[in-house]
Amino acid sequence: MTQTLTIDRDQGAPVSAIAYPATGAPYAAFVFAHGAGAGQSSDFMTAFAQGLAQRGLHVLTFNFPYAERGRKLPDPQPVLEACFRAVLERTATDAALEGLPLFIGGKSMGGRMASHVAASRDAHDAGPHAWWARLKGLVFFGYPLHPPGKPQQVRVAHLPRITHPMLFVQGEKDAFGSPAELRAFIDVLPAPCTLYPVAQAGHSLDVPKRSTIAQAQVHADVMDVVAAWTRARA
């Protein structure tokens, strides 16, 4: 059964979060951020949060401030990052999750914000009980390498500063960056990176209706990959 939480922020109104407890004893916690176009209650976020919880991860989703207000235009990047950090600080103080390895990531923009947070450790992240000490890796669902139709505007300058393992789940037909485009950058990163291409899939891991692969099976396969990858690093 899910649990709705309130996350306080140093600046601005609180945001809501939803905890999806793992089936059985959790092997790790996963803070999972939504993309630019829809909040934490979207079909994609709900399906993956539930599916990963069934596979043993304690999943926590949350709304960025603009989504909490019902707006469509994302907040400036510093606001998004600060919100992500507030969620991580709350996670680090949750007694029910004490000692659990931690993974962070998200869909599209949410994953990119996770990468910025992981690339820029600040003073609040220090200490043996801080979230940083428990961080084991990052998971990206459709990393937005570049805006559609603008392959020259790549968003990778911060990635070399990440020291934790990264898993990129990328649709073969993703307009924000194909697996081949992504591999050209991640193969030279200092941190270990794993790329899982999703056949026939677009940015939201959606496959055409005429596809020989059922959408539900595509999602299930991705969830299995994420669960196996995180479990191996937890």
C-alpha atoms as a PDB file:
ATOM      1  CA  MET A   1       0.000   0.000   0.000  1.00  0.00           C
ATOM      2  CA  THR A   2       1.365   3.408  -0.955  1.00  0.00           C
ATOM      3  CA  GLN A   3       1.899   6.228   1.501  1.00  0.00           C
ATOM      4  CA  THR A   4       1.616   9.937   0.708  1.00  0.00           C
ATOM      5  CA  LEU A   5       4.270  12.152   2.298  1.00  0.00           C
ATOM      6  CA  THR A   6       4.990  15.860   2.522  1.00  0.00           C
ATOM      7  CA  ILE A   7       8.501  17.083   1.775  1.00  0.00           C
ATOM      8  CA  ASP A   8       9.464  20.423   3.320  1.00  0.00           C
ATOM      9  CA  ARG A   9      11.835  22.675   1.433  1.00  0.00           C
ATOM     10  CA  ASP A  10      14.119  25.416   2.742  1.00  0.00           C
ATOM     11  CA  GLN A  11      12.628  27.850   0.235  1.00  0.00           C
ATOM     12  CA  GLY A  12       9.116  27.579  -1.124  1.00  0.00           C
ATOM     13  CA  ALA A  13       6.062  25.514  -0.358  1.00  0.00           C
ATOM     14  CA  PRO A  14       6.297  21.794   0.473  1.00  0.00           C
ATOM     15  CA  VAL A  15       5.873  19.177  -2.256  1.00  0.00           C
ATOM     16  CA  SER A  16       4.135  15.829  -2.077  1.00  0.00           C
ATOM     17  CA  ALA A  17       5.801  12.441  -2.391  1.00  0.00           C
ATOM     18  CA  ILE A  18       4.514   8.897  -2.655  1.00  0.00           C
ATOM     19  CA  ALA A  19       6.264   5.914  -1.071  1.00  0.00           C
ATOM     20  CA  TYR A  20       5.873   2.498  -2.676  1.00  0.00           C
ATOM     21  CA  PRO A  21       7.065  -0.053  -0.087  1.00  0.00           C
ATOM     22  CA  ALA A  22       8.901  -3.051  -1.456  1.00  0.00           C
ATOM     23  CA  THR A  23       7.254  -6.426  -1.602  1.00  0.00           C
ATOM     24  CA  GLY A  24       9.057  -8.320   1.141  1.00  0.00           C
ATOM     25  CA  ALA A  25      12.242  -6.985   2.675  1.00  0.00           C
ATOM     26  CA  PRO A  26      13.695  -4.173   0.512  1.00  0.00           C
ATOM     27  CA  TYR A  27      17.248  -4.543  -0.726  1.00  0.00           C
ATOM     28  CA  ALA A  28      17.584  -0.821  -1.584  1.00  0.00           C
ATOM     29  CA  ALA A  29      15.697   2.468  -1.883  1.00  0.00           C
ATOM     30  CA  PHE A  30      15.145   4.290  -5.177  1.00  0.00           C
ATOM     31  CA  VAL A  31      14.281   8.010  -5.362  1.00  0.00           C
ATOM     32  CA  PHE A  32      12.538   8.311  -8.714  1.00  0.00           C
ATOM     33  CA  ALA A  33      11.884  11.735 -10.301  1.00  0.00           C
ATOM     34  CA  HIS A  34       9.303  12.510 -12.980  1.00  0.00           C
ATOM     35  CA  GLY A  35       9.870  14.039 -16.409  1.00  0.00           C
ATOM     36  CA  ALA A  36       9.020  17.521 -17.633  1.00  0.00           C
ATOM     37  CA  GLY A  37       5.631  16.727 -19.124  1.00  0.00           C
ATOM     38  CA  ALA A  38       3.843  14.976 -16.262  1.00  0.00           C
ATOM     39  CA  GLY A  39       4.082  14.655 -12.487  1.00  0.00           C
ATOM     40  CA  GLN A  40       4.579  11.700 -10.192  1.00  0.00           C
ATOM     41  CA  SER A  41       1.029  10.371 -10.740  1.00  0.00           C
ATOM     42  CA  SER A  42       1.440   9.790 -14.480  1.00  0.00           C
ATOM     43  CA  ASP A  43       0.826   6.312 -15.829  1.00  0.00           C
ATOM     44  CA  PHE A  44       4.539   5.824 -16.542  1.00  0.00           C
ATOM     45  CA  MET A  45       5.688   6.842 -13.072  1.00  0.00           C
ATOM     46  CA  THR A  46       2.996   4.840 -11.314  1.00  0.00           C
ATOM     47  CA  ALA A  47       3.579   1.700 -13.373  1.00  0.00           C
ATOM     48  CA  PHE A  48       7.339   1.718 -12.879  1.00  0.00           C
ATOM     49  CA  ALA A  49       7.170   2.617  -9.204  1.00  0.00           C
ATOM     50  CA  GLN A  50       4.760  -0.255  -8.562  1.00  0.00           C
ATOM     51  CA  GLY A  51       6.697  -2.692 -10.727  1.00  0.00           C
ATOM     52  CA  LEU A  52      10.053  -1.926  -9.133  1.00  0.00           C
ATOM     53  CA  ALA A  53       8.526  -2.136  -5.641  1.00  0.00           C
ATOM     54  CA  GLN A  54       7.244  -5.599  -6.524  1.00  0.00           C
ATOM     55  CA  ARG A  55      10.823  -6.505  -7.412  1.00  0.00           C
ATOM     56  CA  GLY A  56      12.207  -5.516  -4.019  1.00  0.00           C
ATOM     57  CA  LEU A  57      13.014  -1.809  -4.267  1.00  0.00           C
ATOM     58  CA  HIS A  58      11.483   0.720  -1.869  1.00  0.00           C
ATOM     59  CA  VAL A  59      10.505   3.453  -4.347  1.00  0.00           C
ATOM     60  CA  LEU A  60       9.861   7.100  -3.547  1.00  0.00           C
ATOM     61  CA  THR A  61       8.431   9.447  -6.170  1.00  0.00           C
ATOM     62  CA  PHE A  62       7.814  13.162  -5.701  1.00  0.00           C
ATOM     63  CA  ASN A  63       6.563  16.245  -7.509  1.00  0.00           C
ATOM     64  CA  PHE A  64       8.835  19.074  -8.499  1.00  0.00           C
ATOM     65  CA  PRO A  65       7.366  22.425  -7.348  1.00  0.00           C
ATOM     66  CA  TYR A  66       5.850  23.394 -10.714  1.00  0.00           C
ATOM     67  CA  ALA A  67       4.058  20.026 -10.958  1.00  0.00           C
ATOM     68  CA  GLU A  68       2.828  20.407  -7.389  1.00  0.00           C
ATOM     69  CA  ARG A  69       1.272  23.726  -8.400  1.00  0.00           C
ATOM     70  CA  GLY A  70      -0.345  22.185 -11.462  1.00  0.00           C
ATOM     71  CA  ARG A  71       1.842  24.128 -13.894  1.00  0.00           C
ATOM     72  CA  LYS A  72       3.330  22.798 -17.128  1.00  0.00           C
ATOM     73  CA  LEU A  73       6.496  24.887 -17.382  1.00  0.00           C
ATOM     74  CA  PRO A  74       9.348  23.360 -15.349  1.00  0.00           C
ATOM     75  CA  ASP A  75      11.041  25.398 -12.639  1.00  0.00           C
ATOM     76  CA  PRO A  76      14.576  26.753 -13.197  1.00  0.00           C
ATOM     77  CA  GLN A  77      17.260  24.108 -12.766  1.00  0.00           C
ATOM     78  CA  PRO A  78      18.481  25.357  -9.341  1.00  0.00           C
ATOM     79  CA  VAL A  79      14.928  25.000  -7.995  1.00  0.00           C
ATOM     80  CA  LEU A  80      14.621  21.475  -9.405  1.00  0.00           C
ATOM     81  CA  GLU A  81      17.961  20.435  -7.930  1.00  0.00           C
ATOM     82  CA  ALA A  82      17.156  21.942  -4.526  1.00  0.00           C
ATOM     83  CA  CYS A  83      13.862  20.062  -4.453  1.00  0.00           C
ATOM     84  CA  PHE A  84      15.615  16.796  -5.323  1.00  0.00           C
ATOM     85  CA  ARG A  85      18.098  17.359  -2.505  1.00  0.00           C
ATOM     86  CA  ALA A  86      15.291  18.056  -0.038  1.00  0.00           C
ATOM     87  CA  VAL A  87      13.744  14.700  -0.938  1.00  0.00           C
ATOM     88  CA  LEU A  88      17.094  12.960  -0.508  1.00  0.00           C
ATOM     89  CA  GLU A  89      17.667  14.581   2.872  1.00  0.00           C
ATOM     90  CA  ARG A  90      14.210  13.406   3.973  1.00  0.00           C
ATOM     91  CA  THR A  91      15.004   9.904   2.723  1.00  0.00           C
ATOM     92  CA  ALA A  92      18.262   9.854   4.701  1.00  0.00           C
ATOM     93  CA  THR A  93      16.371  10.549   7.942  1.00  0.00           C
ATOM     94  CA  ASP A  94      13.629   7.965   7.380  1.00  0.00           C
ATOM     95  CA  ALA A  95      14.077   5.372  10.123  1.00  0.00           C
ATOM     96  CA  ALA A  96      12.327   2.727   8.014  1.00  0.00           C
ATOM     97  CA  LEU A  97      15.044   3.062   5.365  1.00  0.00           C
ATOM     98  CA  GLU A  98      18.015   3.285   7.701  1.00  0.00           C
ATOM     99  CA  GLY A  99      21.053   1.527   6.313  1.00  0.00           C
ATOM    100  CA  LEU A 100      19.482   0.738   2.927  1.00  0.00           C
ATOM    101  CA  PRO A 101      21.628   1.336  -0.152  1.00  0.00           C
ATOM    102  CA  LEU A 102      20.297   4.227  -2.229  1.00  0.00           C
ATOM    103  CA  PHE A 103      19.763   4.728  -5.950  1.00  0.00           C
ATOM    104  CA  ILE A 104      18.516   7.898  -7.610  1.00  0.00           C
ATOM    105  CA  GLY A 105      17.259   8.665 -11.083  1.00  0.00           C
ATOM    106  CA  GLY A 106      14.204   9.423 -13.100  1.00  0.00           C
ATOM    107  CA  LYS A 107      12.406   9.768 -16.367  1.00  0.00           C
ATOM    108  CA  SER A 108      13.947  12.202 -18.860  1.00  0.00           C
ATOM    109  CA  MET A 109      14.325  15.566 -17.081  1.00  0.00           C
ATOM    110  CA  GLY A 110      14.008  13.887 -13.675  1.00  0.00           C
ATOM    111  CA  GLY A 111      16.957  11.658 -14.499  1.00  0.00           C
ATOM    112  CA  ARG A 112      18.980  14.617 -15.717  1.00  0.00           C
ATOM    113  CA  MET A 113      18.331  16.427 -12.438  1.00  0.00           C
ATOM    114  CA  ALA A 114      19.498  13.325 -10.570  1.00  0.00           C
ATOM    115  CA  SER A 115      22.701  13.435 -12.578  1.00  0.00           C
ATOM    116  CA  HIS A 116      23.292  17.092 -11.722  1.00  0.00           C
ATOM    117  CA  VAL A 117      22.741  16.381  -8.023  1.00  0.00           C
ATOM    118  CA  ALA A 118      25.186  13.461  -8.159  1.00  0.00           C
ATOM    119  CA  ALA A 119      27.734  15.582 -10.039  1.00  0.00           C
ATOM    120  CA  SER A 120      27.780  18.422  -7.513  1.00  0.00           C
ATOM    121  CA  ARG A 121      28.098  17.226  -3.946  1.00  0.00           C
ATOM    122  CA  ASP A 122      27.595  20.092  -1.491  1.00  0.00           C
ATOM    123  CA  ALA A 123      28.276  20.623   2.214  1.00  0.00           C
ATOM    124  CA  HIS A 124      24.877  19.246   3.262  1.00  0.00           C
ATOM    125  CA  ASP A 125      25.673  15.919   1.612  1.00  0.00           C
ATOM    126  CA  ALA A 126      28.606  15.172   3.943  1.00  0.00           C
ATOM    127  CA  GLY A 127      28.520  12.958   6.994  1.00  0.00           C
ATOM    128  CA  PRO A 128      28.197   9.208   7.610  1.00  0.00           C
ATOM    129  CA  HIS A 129      24.393   9.359   7.813  1.00  0.00           C
ATOM    130  CA  ALA A 130      23.837  11.608   4.790  1.00  0.00           C
ATOM    131  CA  TRP A 131      22.232  10.273   1.624  1.00  0.00           C
ATOM    132  CA  TRP A 132      25.528  10.599  -0.250  1.00  0.00           C
ATOM    133  CA  ALA A 133      27.176   7.957   1.930  1.00  0.00           C
ATOM    134  CA  ARG A 134      24.517   5.441   0.867  1.00  0.00           C
ATOM    135  CA  LEU A 135      24.390   6.316  -2.841  1.00  0.00           C
ATOM    136  CA  LYS A 136      25.213   3.296  -5.019  1.00  0.00           C
ATOM    137  CA  GLY A 137      24.173   4.361  -8.507  1.00  0.00           C
ATOM    138  CA  LEU A 138      21.901   6.257 -10.886  1.00  0.00           C
ATOM    139  CA  VAL A 139      19.166   5.004 -13.213  1.00  0.00           C
ATOM    140  CA  PHE A 140      17.990   7.005 -16.240  1.00  0.00           C
ATOM    141  CA  PHE A 141      14.834   6.265 -18.216  1.00  0.00           C
ATOM    142  CA  GLY A 142      15.246   8.096 -21.519  1.00  0.00           C
ATOM    143  CA  TYR A 143      18.175  10.395 -20.716  1.00  0.00           C
ATOM    144  CA  PRO A 144      17.564  13.673 -22.623  1.00  0.00           C
ATOM    145  CA  LEU A 145      20.926  13.879 -24.339  1.00  0.00           C
ATOM    146  CA  HIS A 146      19.796  16.781 -26.531  1.00  0.00           C
ATOM    147  CA  PRO A 147      16.553  18.551 -27.546  1.00  0.00           C
ATOM    148  CA  PRO A 148      14.732  16.830 -30.437  1.00  0.00           C
ATOM    149  CA  GLY A 149      16.232  17.867 -33.755  1.00  0.00           C
ATOM    150  CA  LYS A 150      19.192  19.609 -32.094  1.00  0.00           C
ATOM    151  CA  PRO A 151      21.905  16.951 -31.700  1.00  0.00           C
ATOM    152  CA  GLN A 152      24.583  19.610 -31.320  1.00  0.00           C
ATOM    153  CA  GLN A 153      23.103  20.804 -27.998  1.00  0.00           C
ATOM    154  CA  VAL A 154      24.262  17.913 -25.857  1.00  0.00           C
ATOM    155  CA  ARG A 155      23.764  17.927 -22.072  1.00  0.00           C
ATOM    156  CA  VAL A 156      26.836  16.034 -20.928  1.00  0.00           C
ATOM    157  CA  ALA A 157      29.302  18.574 -19.508  1.00  0.00           C
ATOM    158  CA  HIS A 158      28.582  17.531 -15.909  1.00  0.00           C
ATOM    159  CA  LEU A 159      28.583  13.756 -16.427  1.00  0.00           C
ATOM    160  CA  PRO A 160      32.378  13.285 -16.034  1.00  0.00           C
ATOM    161  CA  ARG A 161      32.053  14.555 -12.444  1.00  0.00           C
ATOM    162  CA  ILE A 162      29.796  11.638 -11.468  1.00  0.00           C
ATOM    163  CA  THR A 163      31.679   8.887  -9.645  1.00  0.00           C
ATOM    164  CA  HIS A 164      28.856   6.368  -9.163  1.00  0.00           C
ATOM    165  CA  PRO A 165      27.735   3.661 -11.632  1.00  0.00           C
ATOM    166  CA  MET A 166      25.026   4.676 -14.097  1.00  0.00           C
ATOM    167  CA  LEU A 167      22.370   2.710 -15.978  1.00  0.00           C
ATOM    168  CA  PHE A 168      20.917   4.295 -19.123  1.00  0.00           C
ATOM    169  CA  VAL A 169      17.654   2.775 -20.394  1.00  0.00           C
ATOM    170  CA  GLN A 170      17.203   4.300 -23.846  1.00  0.00           C
ATOM    171  CA  GLY A 171      14.647   3.692 -26.582  1.00  0.00           C
ATOM    172  CA  GLU A 172      16.174   2.958 -29.978  1.00  0.00           C
ATOM    173  CA  LYS A 173      13.955   5.651 -31.529  1.00  0.00           C
ATOM    174  CA  ASP A 174      14.348   8.248 -28.780  1.00  0.00           C
ATOM    175  CA  ALA A 175      14.244  11.713 -30.398  1.00  0.00           C
ATOM    176  CA  PHE A 176      16.173  13.097 -27.403  1.00  0.00           C
ATOM    177  CA  GLY A 177      19.128  10.836 -28.170  1.00  0.00           C
ATOM    178  CA  SER A 178      19.470   7.337 -29.576  1.00  0.00           C
ATOM    179  CA  PRO A 179      21.503   4.639 -27.824  1.00  0.00           C
ATOM    180  CA  ALA A 180      24.197   5.064 -30.478  1.00  0.00           C
ATOM    181  CA  GLU A 181      24.407   8.809 -29.829  1.00  0.00           C
ATOM    182  CA  LEU A 182      24.494   8.243 -26.097  1.00  0.00           C
ATOM    183  CA  ARG A 183      27.177   5.571 -26.273  1.00  0.00           C
ATOM    184  CA  ALA A 184      29.580   7.971 -27.976  1.00  0.00           C
ATOM    185  CA  PHE A 185      29.592  10.017 -24.774  1.00  0.00           C
ATOM    186  CA  ILE A 186      29.169   7.510 -21.966  1.00  0.00           C
ATOM    187  CA  ASP A 187      31.880   5.152 -23.220  1.00  0.00           C
ATOM    188  CA  VAL A 188      34.506   7.740 -22.239  1.00  0.00           C
ATOM    189  CA  LEU A 189      33.104   8.607 -18.800  1.00  0.00           C
ATOM    190  CA  PRO A 190      35.254   7.679 -15.778  1.00  0.00           C
ATOM    191  CA  ALA A 191      32.342   6.072 -13.882  1.00  0.00           C
ATOM    192  CA  PRO A 192      31.125   2.628 -14.976  1.00  0.00           C
ATOM    193  CA  CYS A 193      28.139   2.957 -17.308  1.00  0.00           C
ATOM    194  CA  THR A 194      25.643   0.394 -18.588  1.00  0.00           C
ATOM    195  CA  LEU A 195      23.454   1.068 -21.625  1.00  0.00           C
ATOM    196  CA  TYR A 196      20.255  -0.918 -22.146  1.00  0.00           C
ATOM    197  CA  PRO A 197      18.709  -0.169 -25.573  1.00  0.00           C
ATOM    198  CA  VAL A 198      14.964  -0.800 -25.837  1.00  0.00           C
ATOM    199  CA  ALA A 199      14.049  -2.104 -29.290  1.00  0.00           C
ATOM    200  CA  GLN A 200      11.522  -0.066 -31.300  1.00  0.00           C
ATOM    201  CA  ALA A 201      10.864   2.257 -28.331  1.00  0.00           C
ATOM    202  CA  GLY A 202      10.606   6.029 -28.202  1.00  0.00           C
ATOM    203  CA  HIS A 203      11.473   8.537 -25.499  1.00  0.00           C
ATOM    204  CA  SER A 204       8.925   7.183 -23.011  1.00  0.00           C
ATOM    205  CA  LEU A 205       9.865   3.578 -23.836  1.00  0.00           C
ATOM    206  CA  ASP A 206       6.667   3.402 -25.894  1.00  0.00           C
ATOM    207  CA  VAL A 207       6.577   0.989 -28.823  1.00  0.00           C
ATOM    208  CA  PRO A 208       4.280   1.311 -31.874  1.00  0.00           C
ATOM    209  CA  LYS A 209       0.943  -0.487 -31.750  1.00  0.00           C
ATOM    210  CA  ARG A 210       2.057  -2.523 -34.750  1.00  0.00           C
ATOM    211  CA  SER A 211       5.131  -3.680 -32.836  1.00  0.00           C
ATOM    212  CA  THR A 212       5.675  -7.395 -32.387  1.00  0.00           C
ATOM    213  CA  ILE A 213       6.554  -6.677 -28.751  1.00  0.00           C
ATOM    214  CA  ALA A 214       3.713  -5.951 -26.332  1.00  0.00           C
ATOM    215  CA  GLN A 215       4.055  -2.669 -24.412  1.00  0.00           C
ATOM    216  CA  ALA A 216       3.495  -4.407 -21.077  1.00  0.00           C
ATOM    217  CA  GLN A 217       6.314  -6.841 -21.869  1.00  0.00           C
ATOM    218  CA  VAL A 218       8.651  -3.986 -22.805  1.00  0.00           C
ATOM    219  CA  HIS A 219       8.034  -2.362 -19.436  1.00  0.00           C
ATOM    220  CA  ALA A 220       8.387  -5.655 -17.561  1.00  0.00           C
ATOM    221  CA  ASP A 221      11.705  -6.382 -19.271  1.00  0.00           C
ATOM    222  CA  VAL A 222      13.014  -2.922 -18.363  1.00  0.00           C
ATOM    223  CA  MET A 223      11.928  -3.366 -14.749  1.00  0.00           C
ATOM    224  CA  ASP A 224      13.730  -6.704 -14.604  1.00  0.00           C
ATOM    225  CA  VAL A 225      16.908  -5.085 -15.952  1.00  0.00           C
ATOM    226  CA  VAL A 226      16.734  -2.222 -13.450  1.00  0.00           C
ATOM    227  CA  ALA A 227      16.055  -4.590 -10.554  1.00  0.00           C
ATOM    228  CA  ALA A 228      18.958  -6.865 -11.509  1.00  0.00           C
ATOM    229  CA  TRP A 229      21.345  -3.937 -12.035  1.00  0.00           C
ATOM    230  CA  THR A 230      20.508  -2.242  -8.745  1.00  0.00           C
ATOM    231  CA  ARG A 231      20.528  -5.494  -6.774  1.00  0.00           C
ATOM    232  CA  ALA A 232      24.008  -6.313  -8.108  1.00  0.00           C
ATOM    233  CA  ARG A 233      25.293  -2.922  -6.901  1.00  0.00           C
ATOM    234  CA  ALA A 234      23.426  -2.795  -3.596  1.00  0.00           C
END
